[in-house]
Each structure stands twice: as C-alpha cells, then as structure tokens.
C-alpha cells in the first residue's frame, strides 16, 4: 500500500498519527522528529510549544485509476496557473517543475 502526506492543523492532530516531517514551533525549533507516532502526551506538547501545523503520513487507500485521475487534474491546474509564465527562464522552469511534481504526488 502507498503512503501519502497531508498537512493538518495541530489542533486536529490525533493519537496514533505519524509525522512525515518534524513538528516545529513558531521559531522553527523541532519539537518532535519525523517518523514519530503521536501520543496523548505529545498532543499536550504541541499545544505548549504553540505548534500550528503538522505534516502527517497516512495510508493511501486510492486505487490506481483514482491516483492517475487526480494527478491528471492537478497537472492541468498547474499548467493553467503557469500558462503565461516564461518557462524558458531557469528559475521559473524550476519552480514549475517543483510545483508539478508536488501536486502530482
């Protein structure tokens, strides 16, 4: 089974969620490491450290056709967004590629 990541507000975090990236406070100090599975105590830590957003990993239950369809829709949105951009500019092209890669995952 595939995994996906999702960003969730810290107040929506639940026991058992696994962090895909380190949980960071407003000063970007690491509160909990990537790969850590949240406990009840960790939820209190997140509040105490004023963590606002978490990147969590979860099992991707979509079938291959759904993944392909969603990737196609996202690719079209990215293409629409960049339709007037000068993709011959290396920085713009790099940004386009990064956004397309991220949105197609």
PDB file of N, CA and C in Angstrom:
ATOM      1  N   UNK A   1       0.845  -1.186   0.000  1.00  0.00           N
ATOM      2  CA  UNK A   1       0.000   0.000   0.000  1.00  0.00           C
ATOM      3  C   UNK A   1       0.885   1.242   0.000  1.00  0.00           C
ATOM      4  N   UNK A   2       0.439   2.272  -0.705  1.00  0.00           N
ATOM      5  CA  UNK A   2       1.173   3.536  -0.784  1.00  0.00           C
ATOM      6  C   UNK A   2       0.872   4.413   0.439  1.00  0.00           C
ATOM      7  N   UNK A   3       1.761   5.347   0.674  1.00  0.00           N
ATOM      8  CA  UNK A   3       1.543   6.348   1.711  1.00  0.00           C
ATOM      9  C   UNK A   3       1.404   7.709   1.069  1.00  0.00           C
ATOM     10  N   UNK A   4       0.710   8.592   1.753  1.00  0.00           N
ATOM     11  CA  UNK A   4       0.563   9.986   1.328  1.00  0.00           C
ATOM     12  C   UNK A   4       0.892  10.858   2.519  1.00  0.00           C
ATOM     13  N   UNK A   5       1.187  12.110   2.238  1.00  0.00           N
ATOM     14  CA  UNK A   5       1.349  13.058   3.336  1.00  0.00           C
ATOM     15  C   UNK A   5       0.243  14.090   3.240  1.00  0.00           C
ATOM     16  N   UNK A   6      -0.060  14.675   4.376  1.00  0.00           N
ATOM     17  CA  UNK A   6      -1.089  15.695   4.438  1.00  0.00           C
ATOM     18  C   UNK A   6      -0.707  16.666   5.540  1.00  0.00           C
ATOM     19  N   UNK A   7      -0.975  17.923   5.316  1.00  0.00           N
ATOM     20  CA  UNK A   7      -0.750  18.929   6.343  1.00  0.00           C
ATOM     21  C   UNK A   7      -2.055  19.143   7.093  1.00  0.00           C
ATOM     22  N   UNK A   8      -1.972  19.102   8.405  1.00  0.00           N
ATOM     23  CA  UNK A   8      -3.167  19.283   9.237  1.00  0.00           C
ATOM     24  C   UNK A   8      -2.865  20.307  10.321  1.00  0.00           C
ATOM     25  N   UNK A   9      -3.865  21.106  10.691  1.00  0.00           N
ATOM     26  CA  UNK A   9      -3.679  21.998  11.831  1.00  0.00           C
ATOM     27  C   UNK A   9      -3.396  21.158  13.077  1.00  0.00           C
ATOM     28  N   UNK A  10      -2.519  21.631  13.917  1.00  0.00           N
ATOM     29  CA  UNK A  10      -2.127  20.866  15.107  1.00  0.00           C
ATOM     30  C   UNK A  10      -3.322  20.547  15.993  1.00  0.00           C
ATOM     31  N   UNK A  11      -4.325  21.427  16.019  1.00  0.00           N
ATOM     32  CA  UNK A  11      -5.488  21.153  16.875  1.00  0.00           C
ATOM     33  C   UNK A  11      -6.324  19.979  16.358  1.00  0.00           C
ATOM     34  N   UNK A  12      -6.069  19.541  15.109  1.00  0.00           N
ATOM     35  CA  UNK A  12      -6.774  18.374  14.570  1.00  0.00           C
ATOM     36  C   UNK A  12      -5.963  17.083  14.738  1.00  0.00           C
ATOM     37  N   UNK A  13      -4.773  17.187  15.309  1.00  0.00           N
ATOM     38  CA  UNK A  13      -3.921  16.010  15.483  1.00  0.00           C
ATOM     39  C   UNK A  13      -4.588  15.013  16.423  1.00  0.00           C
ATOM     40  N   UNK A  14      -4.343  13.747  16.133  1.00  0.00           N
ATOM     41  CA  UNK A  14      -4.928  12.673  16.942  1.00  0.00           C
ATOM     42  C   UNK A  14      -3.837  11.673  17.334  1.00  0.00           C
ATOM     43  N   UNK A  15      -4.056  11.038  18.454  1.00  0.00           N
ATOM     44  CA  UNK A  15      -3.152   9.985  18.909  1.00  0.00           C
ATOM     45  C   UNK A  15      -3.058   8.930  17.810  1.00  0.00           C
ATOM     46  N   UNK A  16      -1.830   8.496  17.526  1.00  0.00           N
ATOM     47  CA  UNK A  16      -1.613   7.468  16.512  1.00  0.00           C
ATOM     48  C   UNK A  16      -1.168   8.003  15.175  1.00  0.00           C
ATOM     49  N   UNK A  17      -1.323   9.314  14.934  1.00  0.00           N
ATOM     50  CA  UNK A  17      -0.834   9.892  13.683  1.00  0.00           C
ATOM     51  C   UNK A  17       0.693   9.844  13.681  1.00  0.00           C
ATOM     52  N   UNK A  18       1.277   9.646  12.495  1.00  0.00           N
ATOM     53  CA  UNK A  18       2.732   9.597  12.363  1.00  0.00           C
ATOM     54  C   UNK A  18       3.213  10.823  11.595  1.00  0.00           C
ATOM     55  N   UNK A  19       4.233  11.481  12.117  1.00  0.00           N
ATOM     56  CA  UNK A  19       4.767  12.687  11.494  1.00  0.00           C
ATOM     57  C   UNK A  19       5.611  12.344  10.271  1.00  0.00           C
ATOM     58  N   UNK A  20       5.344  13.014   9.163  1.00  0.00           N
ATOM     59  CA  UNK A  20       6.145  12.848   7.952  1.00  0.00           C
ATOM     60  C   UNK A  20       7.334  13.798   7.980  1.00  0.00           C
ATOM     61  N   UNK A  21       7.196  14.900   8.695  1.00  0.00           N
ATOM     62  CA  UNK A  21       8.251  15.897   8.865  1.00  0.00           C
ATOM     63  C   UNK A  21       8.309  16.253  10.352  1.00  0.00           C
ATOM     64  N   UNK A  22       9.433  16.812  10.802  1.00  0.00           N
ATOM     65  CA  UNK A  22       9.488  17.207  12.215  1.00  0.00           C
ATOM     66  C   UNK A  22       8.404  18.228  12.548  1.00  0.00           C
ATOM     67  N   UNK A  23       7.837  18.132  13.735  1.00  0.00           N
ATOM     68  CA  UNK A  23       6.899  19.149  14.224  1.00  0.00           C
ATOM     69  C   UNK A  23       7.747  20.303  14.733  1.00  0.00           C
ATOM     70  N   UNK A  24       7.435  21.517  14.262  1.00  0.00           N
ATOM     71  CA  UNK A  24       8.235  22.681  14.628  1.00  0.00           C
ATOM     72  C   UNK A  24       7.355  23.753  15.245  1.00  0.00           C
ATOM     73  N   UNK A  25       7.961  24.507  16.168  1.00  0.00           N
ATOM     74  CA  UNK A  25       7.247  25.617  16.775  1.00  0.00           C
ATOM     75  C   UNK A  25       7.402  26.857  15.885  1.00  0.00           C
ATOM     76  N   UNK A  26       6.946  27.992  16.355  1.00  0.00           N
ATOM     77  CA  UNK A  26       6.987  29.226  15.549  1.00  0.00           C
ATOM     78  C   UNK A  26       8.403  29.704  15.251  1.00  0.00           C
ATOM     79  N   UNK A  27       9.356  29.299  16.074  1.00  0.00           N
ATOM     80  CA  UNK A  27      10.755  29.679  15.858  1.00  0.00           C
ATOM     81  C   UNK A  27      11.485  28.620  15.026  1.00  0.00           C
ATOM     82  N   UNK A  28      10.739  27.658  14.488  1.00  0.00           N
ATOM     83  CA  UNK A  28      11.252  26.559  13.667  1.00  0.00           C
ATOM     84  C   UNK A  28      12.156  25.610  14.447  1.00  0.00           C
ATOM     85  N   UNK A  29      11.988  25.590  15.760  1.00  0.00           N
ATOM     86  CA  UNK A  29      12.699  24.617  16.578  1.00  0.00           C
ATOM     87  C   UNK A  29      11.919  23.308  16.531  1.00  0.00           C
ATOM     88  N   UNK A  30      12.639  22.204  16.409  1.00  0.00           N
ATOM     89  CA  UNK A  30      11.993  20.900  16.327  1.00  0.00           C
ATOM     90  C   UNK A  30      11.438  20.501  17.689  1.00  0.00           C
ATOM     91  N   UNK A  31      10.167  20.161  17.701  1.00  0.00           N
ATOM     92  CA  UNK A  31       9.503  19.722  18.922  1.00  0.00           C
ATOM     93  C   UNK A  31       9.443  18.195  18.961  1.00  0.00           C
ATOM     94  N   UNK A  32       9.132  17.593  17.808  1.00  0.00           N
ATOM     95  CA  UNK A  32       9.078  16.135  17.678  1.00  0.00           C
ATOM     96  C   UNK A  32       9.682  15.757  16.327  1.00  0.00           C
ATOM     97  N   UNK A  33      10.374  14.624  16.238  1.00  0.00           N
ATOM     98  CA  UNK A  33      11.046  14.254  14.983  1.00  0.00           C
ATOM     99  C   UNK A  33      10.111  13.613  13.956  1.00  0.00           C
ATOM    100  N   UNK A  34      10.528  13.652  12.701  1.00  0.00           N
ATOM    101  CA  UNK A  34       9.805  12.943  11.648  1.00  0.00           C
ATOM    102  C   UNK A  34       9.804  11.456  11.984  1.00  0.00           C
ATOM    103  N   UNK A  35       8.712  10.786  11.665  1.00  0.00           N
ATOM    104  CA  UNK A  35       8.590   9.362  11.944  1.00  0.00           C
ATOM    105  C   UNK A  35       7.992   9.062  13.308  1.00  0.00           C
ATOM    106  N   UNK A  36       7.840  10.081  14.134  1.00  0.00           N
ATOM    107  CA  UNK A  36       7.299   9.893  15.482  1.00  0.00           C
ATOM    108  C   UNK A  36       5.781   9.684  15.420  1.00  0.00           C
ATOM    109  N   UNK A  37       5.282   8.716  16.161  1.00  0.00           N
ATOM    110  CA  UNK A  37       3.844   8.471  16.266  1.00  0.00           C
ATOM    111  C   UNK A  37       3.326   9.195  17.499  1.00  0.00           C
ATOM    112  N   UNK A  38       2.310  10.028  17.298  1.00  0.00           N
ATOM    113  CA  UNK A  38       1.812  10.889  18.361  1.00  0.00           C
ATOM    114  C   UNK A  38       1.122  10.116  19.476  1.00  0.00           C
ATOM    115  N   UNK A  39       1.390  10.579  20.697  1.00  0.00           N
ATOM    116  CA  UNK A  39       0.747  10.056  21.899  1.00  0.00           C
ATOM    117  C   UNK A  39      -0.086  11.190  22.516  1.00  0.00           C
ATOM    118  N   UNK A  40      -0.842  10.862  23.539  1.00  0.00           N
ATOM    119  CA  UNK A  40      -1.631  11.873  24.246  1.00  0.00           C
ATOM    120  C   UNK A  40      -0.709  12.954  24.824  1.00  0.00           C
ATOM    121  N   UNK A  41       0.417  12.538  25.389  1.00  0.00           N
ATOM    122  CA  UNK A  41       1.389  13.495  25.946  1.00  0.00           C
ATOM    123  C   UNK A  41       1.924  14.420  24.860  1.00  0.00           C
ATOM    124  N   UNK A  42       2.161  13.869  23.659  1.00  0.00           N
ATOM    125  CA  UNK A  42       2.661  14.691  22.553  1.00  0.00           C
ATOM    126  C   UNK A  42       1.655  15.768  22.157  1.00  0.00           C
ATOM    127  N   UNK A  43       0.373  15.452  22.208  1.00  0.00           N
ATOM    128  CA  UNK A  43      -0.642  16.448  21.867  1.00  0.00           C
ATOM    129  C   UNK A  43      -0.554  17.643  22.807  1.00  0.00           C
ATOM    130  N   UNK A  44      -0.278  17.377  24.077  1.00  0.00           N
ATOM    131  CA  UNK A  44      -0.100  18.455  25.055  1.00  0.00           C
ATOM    132  C   UNK A  44       1.180  19.239  24.759  1.00  0.00           C
ATOM    133  N   UNK A  45       2.231  18.539  24.340  1.00  0.00           N
ATOM    134  CA  UNK A  45       3.482  19.208  23.966  1.00  0.00           C
ATOM    135  C   UNK A  45       3.251  20.177  22.808  1.00  0.00           C
ATOM    136  N   UNK A  46       2.492  19.742  21.823  1.00  0.00           N
ATOM    137  CA  UNK A  46       2.225  20.581  20.661  1.00  0.00           C
ATOM    138  C   UNK A  46       1.534  21.872  21.071  1.00  0.00           C
ATOM    139  N   UNK A  47       0.580  21.770  21.984  1.00  0.00           N
ATOM    140  CA  UNK A  47      -0.117  22.957  22.484  1.00  0.00           C
ATOM    141  C   UNK A  47       0.852  23.845  23.253  1.00  0.00           C
ATOM    142  N   UNK A  48       1.645  23.258  24.139  1.00  0.00           N
ATOM    143  CA  UNK A  48       2.581  24.020  24.967  1.00  0.00           C
ATOM    144  C   UNK A  48       3.622  24.755  24.120  1.00  0.00           C
ATOM    145  N   UNK A  49       4.016  24.158  23.015  1.00  0.00           N
ATOM    146  CA  UNK A  49       5.028  24.770  22.141  1.00  0.00           C
ATOM    147  C   UNK A  49       4.405  25.599  21.016  1.00  0.00           C
ATOM    148  N   UNK A  50       3.096  25.743  21.041  1.00  0.00           N
ATOM    149  CA  UNK A  50       2.353  26.530  20.061  1.00  0.00           C
ATOM    150  C   UNK A  50       2.632  26.091  18.617  1.00  0.00           C
ATOM    151  N   UNK A  51       2.697  24.777  18.417  1.00  0.00           N
ATOM    152  CA  UNK A  51       2.849  24.239  17.070  1.00  0.00           C
ATOM    153  C   UNK A  51       1.521  24.450  16.352  1.00  0.00           C
ATOM    154  N   UNK A  52       1.583  24.955  15.128  1.00  0.00           N
ATOM    155  CA  UNK A  52       0.357  25.275  14.406  1.00  0.00           C
ATOM    156  C   UNK A  52      -0.005  24.279  13.320  1.00  0.00           C
ATOM    157  N   UNK A  53       1.006  23.674  12.678  1.00  0.00           N
ATOM    158  CA  UNK A  53       0.748  22.819  11.528  1.00  0.00           C
ATOM    159  C   UNK A  53       1.633  21.585  11.589  1.00  0.00           C
ATOM    160  N   UNK A  54       1.059  20.446  11.219  1.00  0.00           N
ATOM    161  CA  UNK A  54       1.803  19.187  11.211  1.00  0.00           C
ATOM    162  C   UNK A  54       1.719  18.554   9.833  1.00  0.00           C
ATOM    163  N   UNK A  55       2.777  17.883   9.459  1.00  0.00           N
ATOM    164  CA  UNK A  55       2.798  17.093   8.237  1.00  0.00           C
ATOM    165  C   UNK A  55       2.760  15.633   8.670  1.00  0.00           C
ATOM    166  N   UNK A  56       1.665  14.950   8.348  1.00  0.00           N
ATOM    167  CA  UNK A  56       1.488  13.571   8.791  1.00  0.00           C
ATOM    168  C   UNK A  56       1.445  12.638   7.584  1.00  0.00           C
ATOM    169  N   UNK A  57       1.809  11.396   7.827  1.00  0.00           N
ATOM    170  CA  UNK A  57       1.776  10.376   6.787  1.00  0.00           C
ATOM    171  C   UNK A  57       0.606   9.443   7.087  1.00  0.00           C
ATOM    172  N   UNK A  58      -0.078   9.035   6.026  1.00  0.00           N
ATOM    173  CA  UNK A  58      -1.175   8.095   6.212  1.00  0.00           C
ATOM    174  C   UNK A  58      -1.240   7.170   5.009  1.00  0.00           C
ATOM    175  N   UNK A  59      -1.924   6.073   5.184  1.00  0.00           N
ATOM    176  CA  UNK A  59      -2.033   5.076   4.129  1.00  0.00           C
ATOM    177  C   UNK A  59      -2.948   5.585   3.020  1.00  0.00           C
ATOM    178  N   UNK A  60      -2.491   5.447   1.788  1.00  0.00           N
ATOM    179  CA  UNK A  60      -3.250   5.889   0.621  1.00  0.00           C
ATOM    180  C   UNK A  60      -4.119   4.735   0.132  1.00  0.00           C
ATOM    181  N   UNK A  61      -5.408   4.849   0.350  1.00  0.00           N
ATOM    182  CA  UNK A  61      -6.329   3.766   0.003  1.00  0.00           C
ATOM    183  C   UNK A  61      -6.908   3.903  -1.402  1.00  0.00           C
ATOM    184  N   UNK A  62      -6.449   4.923  -2.152  1.00  0.00           N
ATOM    185  CA  UNK A  62      -6.983   5.115  -3.505  1.00  0.00           C
ATOM    186  C   UNK A  62      -6.514   3.996  -4.432  1.00  0.00           C
ATOM    187  N   UNK A  63      -7.354   3.655  -5.409  1.00  0.00           N
ATOM    188  CA  UNK A  63      -6.949   2.694  -6.422  1.00  0.00           C
ATOM    189  C   UNK A  63      -6.144   3.429  -7.494  1.00  0.00           C
ATOM    190  N   UNK A  64      -5.411   2.676  -8.307  1.00  0.00           N
ATOM    191  CA  UNK A  64      -4.511   3.266  -9.298  1.00  0.00           C
ATOM    192  C   UNK A  64      -5.223   4.246 -10.234  1.00  0.00           C
ATOM    193  N   UNK A  65      -6.439   3.934 -10.618  1.00  0.00           N
ATOM    194  CA  UNK A  65      -7.190   4.811 -11.523  1.00  0.00           C
ATOM    195  C   UNK A  65      -7.491   6.159 -10.862  1.00  0.00           C
ATOM    196  N   UNK A  66      -7.804   6.138  -9.574  1.00  0.00           N
ATOM    197  CA  UNK A  66      -8.058   7.389  -8.850  1.00  0.00           C
ATOM    198  C   UNK A  66      -6.795   8.229  -8.767  1.00  0.00           C
ATOM    199  N   UNK A  67      -5.670   7.579  -8.495  1.00  0.00           N
ATOM    200  CA  UNK A  67      -4.389   8.289  -8.410  1.00  0.00           C
ATOM    201  C   UNK A  67      -4.082   8.956  -9.748  1.00  0.00           C
ATOM    202  N   UNK A  68      -4.234   8.207 -10.830  1.00  0.00           N
ATOM    203  CA  UNK A  68      -3.948   8.737 -12.167  1.00  0.00           C
ATOM    204  C   UNK A  68      -4.888   9.887 -12.514  1.00  0.00           C
ATOM    205  N   UNK A  69      -6.155   9.735 -12.192  1.00  0.00           N
ATOM    206  CA  UNK A  69      -7.129  10.781 -12.487  1.00  0.00           C
ATOM    207  C   UNK A  69      -6.820  12.063 -11.718  1.00  0.00           C
ATOM    208  N   UNK A  70      -6.543  11.924 -10.436  1.00  0.00           N
ATOM    209  CA  UNK A  70      -6.224  13.093  -9.615  1.00  0.00           C
ATOM    210  C   UNK A  70      -4.928  13.750 -10.071  1.00  0.00           C
ATOM    211  N   UNK A  71      -3.932  12.968 -10.452  1.00  0.00           N
ATOM    212  CA  UNK A  71      -2.667  13.513 -10.943  1.00  0.00           C
ATOM    213  C   UNK A  71      -2.895  14.300 -12.223  1.00  0.00           C
ATOM    214  N   UNK A  72      -3.751  13.799 -13.090  1.00  0.00           N
ATOM    215  CA  UNK A  72      -4.066  14.488 -14.339  1.00  0.00           C
ATOM    216  C   UNK A  72      -4.756  15.823 -14.078  1.00  0.00           C
ATOM    217  N   UNK A  73      -5.701  15.817 -13.155  1.00  0.00           N
ATOM    218  CA  UNK A  73      -6.410  17.053 -12.801  1.00  0.00           C
ATOM    219  C   UNK A  73      -5.438  18.078 -12.224  1.00  0.00           C
ATOM    220  N   UNK A  74      -4.559  17.629 -11.332  1.00  0.00           N
ATOM    221  CA  UNK A  74      -3.583  18.539 -10.720  1.00  0.00           C
ATOM    222  C   UNK A  74      -2.605  19.077 -11.758  1.00  0.00           C
ATOM    223  N   UNK A  75      -2.164  18.232 -12.686  1.00  0.00           N
ATOM    224  CA  UNK A  75      -1.244  18.676 -13.733  1.00  0.00           C
ATOM    225  C   UNK A  75      -1.894  19.767 -14.581  1.00  0.00           C
ATOM    226  N   UNK A  76      -3.167  19.592 -14.905  1.00  0.00           N
ATOM    227  CA  UNK A  76      -3.868  20.612 -15.688  1.00  0.00           C
ATOM    228  C   UNK A  76      -3.956  21.917 -14.909  1.00  0.00           C
ATOM    229  N   UNK A  77      -4.222  21.850 -13.623  1.00  0.00           N
ATOM    230  CA  UNK A  77      -4.292  23.068 -12.804  1.00  0.00           C
ATOM    231  C   UNK A  77      -2.948  23.794 -12.784  1.00  0.00           C
ATOM    232  N   UNK A  78      -1.870  23.020 -12.643  1.00  0.00           N
ATOM    233  CA  UNK A  78      -0.533  23.637 -12.629  1.00  0.00           C
ATOM    234  C   UNK A  78      -0.249  24.270 -13.988  1.00  0.00           C
ATOM    235  N   UNK A  79      -0.560  23.566 -15.056  1.00  0.00           N
ATOM    236  CA  UNK A  79      -0.353  24.116 -16.403  1.00  0.00           C
ATOM    237  C   UNK A  79      -1.163  25.394 -16.600  1.00  0.00           C
ATOM    238  N   UNK A  80      -2.408  25.413 -16.126  1.00  0.00           N
ATOM    239  CA  UNK A  80      -3.232  26.612 -16.222  1.00  0.00           C
ATOM    240  C   UNK A  80      -2.623  27.773 -15.432  1.00  0.00           C
ATOM    241  N   UNK A  81      -2.119  27.468 -14.260  1.00  0.00           N
ATOM    242  CA  UNK A  81      -1.513  28.502 -13.419  1.00  0.00           C
ATOM    243  C   UNK A  81      -0.277  29.118 -14.085  1.00  0.00           C
ATOM    244  N   UNK A  82       0.508  28.285 -14.749  1.00  0.00           N
ATOM    245  CA  UNK A  82       1.756  28.743 -15.358  1.00  0.00           C
ATOM    246  C   UNK A  82       1.604  29.077 -16.849  1.00  0.00           C
ATOM    247  N   UNK A  83       0.381  29.167 -17.355  1.00  0.00           N
ATOM    248  CA  UNK A  83       0.192  29.338 -18.788  1.00  0.00           C
ATOM    249  C   UNK A  83       0.838  30.591 -19.359  1.00  0.00           C
ATOM    250  N   UNK A  84       0.928  31.655 -18.572  1.00  0.00           N
ATOM    251  CA  UNK A  84       1.549  32.880 -19.078  1.00  0.00           C
ATOM    252  C   UNK A  84       2.985  33.056 -18.589  1.00  0.00           C
ATOM    253  N   UNK A  85       3.478  32.083 -17.868  1.00  0.00           N
ATOM    254  CA  UNK A  85       4.835  32.179 -17.326  1.00  0.00           C
ATOM    255  C   UNK A  85       5.868  31.907 -18.413  1.00  0.00           C
ATOM    256  N   UNK A  86       7.027  32.503 -18.247  1.00  0.00           N
ATOM    257  CA  UNK A  86       8.132  32.303 -19.176  1.00  0.00           C
ATOM    258  C   UNK A  86       8.939  31.084 -18.698  1.00  0.00           C
ATOM    259  N   UNK A  87       8.596  29.914 -19.226  1.00  0.00           N
ATOM    260  CA  UNK A  87       9.263  28.689 -18.787  1.00  0.00           C
ATOM    261  C   UNK A  87      10.655  28.524 -19.373  1.00  0.00           C
ATOM    262  N   UNK A  88      11.077  29.460 -20.218  1.00  0.00           N
ATOM    263  CA  UNK A  88      12.465  29.417 -20.692  1.00  0.00           C
ATOM    264  C   UNK A  88      13.407  30.017 -19.648  1.00  0.00           C
ATOM    265  N   UNK A  89      12.821  30.743 -18.666  1.00  0.00           N
ATOM    266  CA  UNK A  89      13.609  31.261 -17.550  1.00  0.00           C
ATOM    267  C   UNK A  89      13.900  30.097 -16.604  1.00  0.00           C
ATOM    268  N   UNK A  90      15.189  29.846 -16.295  1.00  0.00           N
ATOM    269  CA  UNK A  90      15.542  28.681 -15.472  1.00  0.00           C
ATOM    270  C   UNK A  90      14.862  28.652 -14.096  1.00  0.00           C
ATOM    271  N   UNK A  91      14.747  29.798 -13.443  1.00  0.00           N
ATOM    272  CA  UNK A  91      14.108  29.815 -12.118  1.00  0.00           C
ATOM    273  C   UNK A  91      12.618  29.510 -12.212  1.00  0.00           C
ATOM    274  N   UNK A  92      11.965  30.088 -13.196  1.00  0.00           N
ATOM    275  CA  UNK A  92      10.542  29.821 -13.388  1.00  0.00           C
ATOM    276  C   UNK A  92      10.307  28.364 -13.762  1.00  0.00           C
ATOM    277  N   UNK A  93      11.165  27.836 -14.629  1.00  0.00           N
ATOM    278  CA  UNK A  93      11.051  26.432 -15.032  1.00  0.00           C
ATOM    279  C   UNK A  93      11.260  25.506 -13.834  1.00  0.00           C
ATOM    280  N   UNK A  94      12.220  25.854 -12.975  1.00  0.00           N
ATOM    281  CA  UNK A  94      12.483  25.038 -11.782  1.00  0.00           C
ATOM    282  C   UNK A  94      11.274  25.077 -10.849  1.00  0.00           C
ATOM    283  N   UNK A  95      10.693  26.260 -10.662  1.00  0.00           N
ATOM    284  CA  UNK A  95       9.501  26.391  -9.824  1.00  0.00           C
ATOM    285  C   UNK A  95       8.354  25.570 -10.413  1.00  0.00           C
ATOM    286  N   UNK A  96       8.149  25.699 -11.713  1.00  0.00           N
ATOM    287  CA  UNK A  96       7.095  24.934 -12.394  1.00  0.00           C
ATOM    288  C   UNK A  96       7.283  23.440 -12.151  1.00  0.00           C
ATOM    289  N   UNK A  97       8.499  22.944 -12.338  1.00  0.00           N
ATOM    290  CA  UNK A  97       8.770  21.515 -12.151  1.00  0.00           C
ATOM    291  C   UNK A  97       8.529  21.065 -10.720  1.00  0.00           C
ATOM    292  N   UNK A  98       8.924  21.892  -9.758  1.00  0.00           N
ATOM    293  CA  UNK A  98       8.719  21.543  -8.355  1.00  0.00           C
ATOM    294  C   UNK A  98       7.228  21.503  -8.009  1.00  0.00           C
ATOM    295  N   UNK A  99       6.491  22.506  -8.466  1.00  0.00           N
ATOM    296  CA  UNK A  99       5.050  22.552  -8.186  1.00  0.00           C
ATOM    297  C   UNK A  99       4.352  21.377  -8.862  1.00  0.00           C
ATOM    298  N   UNK A 100       4.714  21.107 -10.111  1.00  0.00           N
ATOM    299  CA  UNK A 100       4.098  19.992 -10.836  1.00  0.00           C
ATOM    300  C   UNK A 100       4.387  18.658 -10.142  1.00  0.00           C
ATOM    301  N   UNK A 101       5.626  18.464  -9.718  1.00  0.00           N
ATOM    302  CA  UNK A 101       5.994  17.240  -9.001  1.00  0.00           C
ATOM    303  C   UNK A 101       5.223  17.112  -7.709  1.00  0.00           C
ATOM    304  N   UNK A 102       5.158  18.202  -6.952  1.00  0.00           N
ATOM    305  CA  UNK A 102       4.454  18.161  -5.663  1.00  0.00           C
ATOM    306  C   UNK A 102       2.954  17.902  -5.859  1.00  0.00           C
ATOM    307  N   UNK A 103       2.339  18.598  -6.786  1.00  0.00           N
ATOM    308  CA  UNK A 103       0.895  18.476  -6.986  1.00  0.00           C
ATOM    309  C   UNK A 103       0.498  17.165  -7.641  1.00  0.00           C
ATOM    310  N   UNK A 104       1.435  16.505  -8.293  1.00  0.00           N
ATOM    311  CA  UNK A 104       1.124  15.242  -8.966  1.00  0.00           C
ATOM    312  C   UNK A 104       1.297  14.026  -8.055  1.00  0.00           C
ATOM    313  N   UNK A 105       1.825  14.239  -6.870  1.00  0.00           N
ATOM    314  CA  UNK A 105       2.098  13.118  -5.959  1.00  0.00           C
ATOM    315  C   UNK A 105       0.855  12.620  -5.278  1.00  0.00           C
TER     316      UNK A 105
END
